[in-house]
C-alpha atoms as a PDB file:
ATOM      1  CA  MET A   1       0.000   0.000   0.000  1.00  0.00           C
ATOM      2  CA  ASN A   2       1.381   3.410  -0.962  1.00  0.00           C
ATOM      3  CA  CYS A   3       0.750   5.704   1.989  1.00  0.00           C
ATOM      4  CA  GLN A   4       1.269   9.474   1.994  1.00  0.00           C
ATOM      5  CA  HIS A   5       1.995  10.087   5.677  1.00  0.00           C
ATOM      6  CA  VAL A   6       0.860  13.219   7.464  1.00  0.00           C
ATOM      7  CA  THR A   7       3.755  15.554   8.257  1.00  0.00           C
ATOM      8  CA  TYR A   8       4.755  16.014  11.868  1.00  0.00           C
ATOM      9  CA  GLU A   9       3.914  19.699  11.578  1.00  0.00           C
ATOM     10  CA  THR A  10       0.394  18.839  10.453  1.00  0.00           C
ATOM     11  CA  LEU A  11      -0.006  16.280  13.239  1.00  0.00           C
ATOM     12  CA  ILE A  12       1.024  18.913  15.775  1.00  0.00           C
ATOM     13  CA  ALA A  13      -1.511  21.334  14.324  1.00  0.00           C
ATOM     14  CA  TYR A  14      -4.148  18.561  14.430  1.00  0.00           C
ATOM     15  CA  VAL A  15      -3.419  17.720  18.075  1.00  0.00           C
ATOM     16  CA  THR A  16      -3.583  21.408  19.046  1.00  0.00           C
ATOM     17  CA  ASN A  17      -6.786  21.995  17.027  1.00  0.00           C
ATOM     18  CA  ASP A  18      -5.096  24.482  14.707  1.00  0.00           C
ATOM     19  CA  LEU A  19      -6.324  23.021  11.413  1.00  0.00           C
ATOM     20  CA  ASP A  20      -9.368  24.183   9.564  1.00  0.00           C
ATOM     21  CA  LYS A  21     -12.293  21.769   9.428  1.00  0.00           C
ATOM     22  CA  HIS A  22     -11.394  20.378   5.985  1.00  0.00           C
ATOM     23  CA  GLU A  23      -7.762  19.710   6.958  1.00  0.00           C
ATOM     24  CA  ALA A  24      -8.778  18.173  10.294  1.00  0.00           C
ATOM     25  CA  VAL A  25     -11.186  15.757   8.594  1.00  0.00           C
ATOM     26  CA  ALA A  26      -8.519  14.740   6.075  1.00  0.00           C
ATOM     27  CA  VAL A  27      -5.997  14.074   8.862  1.00  0.00           C
ATOM     28  CA  MET A  28      -8.593  12.204  10.935  1.00  0.00           C
ATOM     29  CA  ASN A  29      -9.454   9.967   7.965  1.00  0.00           C
ATOM     30  CA  HIS A  30      -5.792   9.274   7.263  1.00  0.00           C
ATOM     31  CA  ILE A  31      -5.024   8.479  10.903  1.00  0.00           C
ATOM     32  CA  ALA A  32      -7.910   6.012  10.957  1.00  0.00           C
ATOM     33  CA  SER A  33      -6.220   3.952   8.243  1.00  0.00           C
ATOM     34  CA  CYS A  34      -2.507   4.481   8.971  1.00  0.00           C
ATOM     35  CA  ASP A  35      -0.941   2.826  12.006  1.00  0.00           C
ATOM     36  CA  GLN A  36       2.270   4.847  11.759  1.00  0.00           C
ATOM     37  CA  CYS A  37       0.520   8.225  11.769  1.00  0.00           C
ATOM     38  CA  SER A  38      -1.946   7.047  14.402  1.00  0.00           C
ATOM     39  CA  LYS A  39       0.933   6.095  16.715  1.00  0.00           C
ATOM     40  CA  ALA A  40       2.634   9.439  16.060  1.00  0.00           C
ATOM     41  CA  ARG A  41      -0.602  11.267  16.949  1.00  0.00           C
ATOM     42  CA  GLN A  42      -0.937   9.227  20.143  1.00  0.00           C
ATOM     43  CA  HIS A  43       2.652  10.099  21.036  1.00  0.00           C
ATOM     44  CA  LEU A  44       1.959  13.804  20.455  1.00  0.00           C
ATOM     45  CA  ASP A  45      -1.247  13.606  22.519  1.00  0.00           C
ATOM     46  CA  THR A  46       0.690  12.053  25.397  1.00  0.00           C
ATOM     47  CA  LEU A  47       3.522  14.539  25.101  1.00  0.00           C
ATOM     48  CA  ARG A  48       1.152  17.500  24.993  1.00  0.00           C
ATOM     49  CA  SER A  49      -0.772  16.194  27.971  1.00  0.00           C
ATOM     50  CA  LEU A  50       2.415  15.790  29.985  1.00  0.00           C
ATOM     51  CA  MET A  51       3.626  19.237  29.023  1.00  0.00           C
ATOM     52  CA  CYS A  52       0.328  20.808  30.019  1.00  0.00           C
ATOM     53  CA  THR A  53       0.052  19.048  33.368  1.00  0.00           C
ATOM     54  CA  ASP A  54       3.628  18.713  34.634  1.00  0.00           C
ATOM     55  CA  ASP A  55       4.373  21.802  36.636  1.00  0.00           C
ATOM     56  CA  SER A  56       6.777  20.063  38.999  1.00  0.00           C
ATOM     57  CA  GLN A  57       9.676  22.181  37.796  1.00  0.00           C
ATOM     58  CA  GLU A  58       9.774  25.427  35.898  1.00  0.00           C
ATOM     59  CA  PRO A  59      12.095  25.108  32.870  1.00  0.00           C
ATOM     60  CA  PRO A  60      14.991  27.561  32.658  1.00  0.00           C
ATOM     61  CA  GLN A  61      14.126  30.657  30.634  1.00  0.00           C
ATOM     62  CA  ARG A  62      17.087  30.146  28.264  1.00  0.00           C
ATOM     63  CA  ILE A  63      15.782  26.662  27.358  1.00  0.00           C
ATOM     64  CA  LEU A  64      12.332  28.058  26.629  1.00  0.00           C
ATOM     65  CA  CYS A  65      13.889  30.762  24.447  1.00  0.00           C
ATOM     66  CA  GLN A  66      15.973  28.203  22.552  1.00  0.00           C
ATOM     67  CA  ALA A  67      12.962  25.956  21.950  1.00  0.00           C
ATOM     68  CA  PHE A  68      10.853  28.889  20.837  1.00  0.00           C
ATOM     69  CA  SER A  69      13.547  30.095  18.442  1.00  0.00           C
ATOM     70  CA  ILE A  70      13.924  26.628  16.922  1.00  0.00           C
ATOM     71  CA  PHE A  71      10.233  26.363  16.147  1.00  0.00           C
ATOM     72  CA  THR A  72       9.827  29.920  14.912  1.00  0.00           C
ATOM     73  CA  THR A  73      12.983  29.751  12.782  1.00  0.00           C
ATOM     74  CA  GLU A  74      12.019  26.406  11.276  1.00  0.00           C
ATOM     75  CA  ASN A  75       8.438  27.403  10.655  1.00  0.00           C
ATOM     76  CA  PRO A  76       6.992  30.913  10.911  1.00  0.00           C
ATOM     77  CA  ARG A  77       3.535  29.398  11.495  1.00  0.00           C
ATOM     78  CA  PHE A  78       4.620  28.360  14.999  1.00  0.00           C
ATOM     79  CA  SER A  79       5.349  31.971  15.907  1.00  0.00           C
ATOM     80  CA  GLU A  80       1.742  32.790  14.972  1.00  0.00           C
ATOM     81  CA  LEU A  81       0.508  29.898  17.135  1.00  0.00           C
ATOM     82  CA  ALA A  82       2.681  30.955  20.068  1.00  0.00           C
ATOM     83  CA  LEU A  83       1.345  34.480  19.896  1.00  0.00           C
ATOM     84  CA  ARG A  84      -2.214  33.132  20.230  1.00  0.00           C
ATOM     85  CA  SER A  85      -1.341  31.171  23.392  1.00  0.00           C
END
């Protein structure tokens, strides 16, 4: 079977509800039939959940700045998403 996997960027946007309805439905349909992308989505769901709930230690500001710069440099769309948060 020739499978066109969903990009990691798109999976992140799907998990964070940042896709429009048409894109979200397309990703949902693909995930339903692709074990690899389904597992990646589950991993992202778990990671996001842990990041949102683990407040046991505040990360150093320089690490947050480095992570932010990586995402915004790699993809300007993430800077738009971060500004909405």
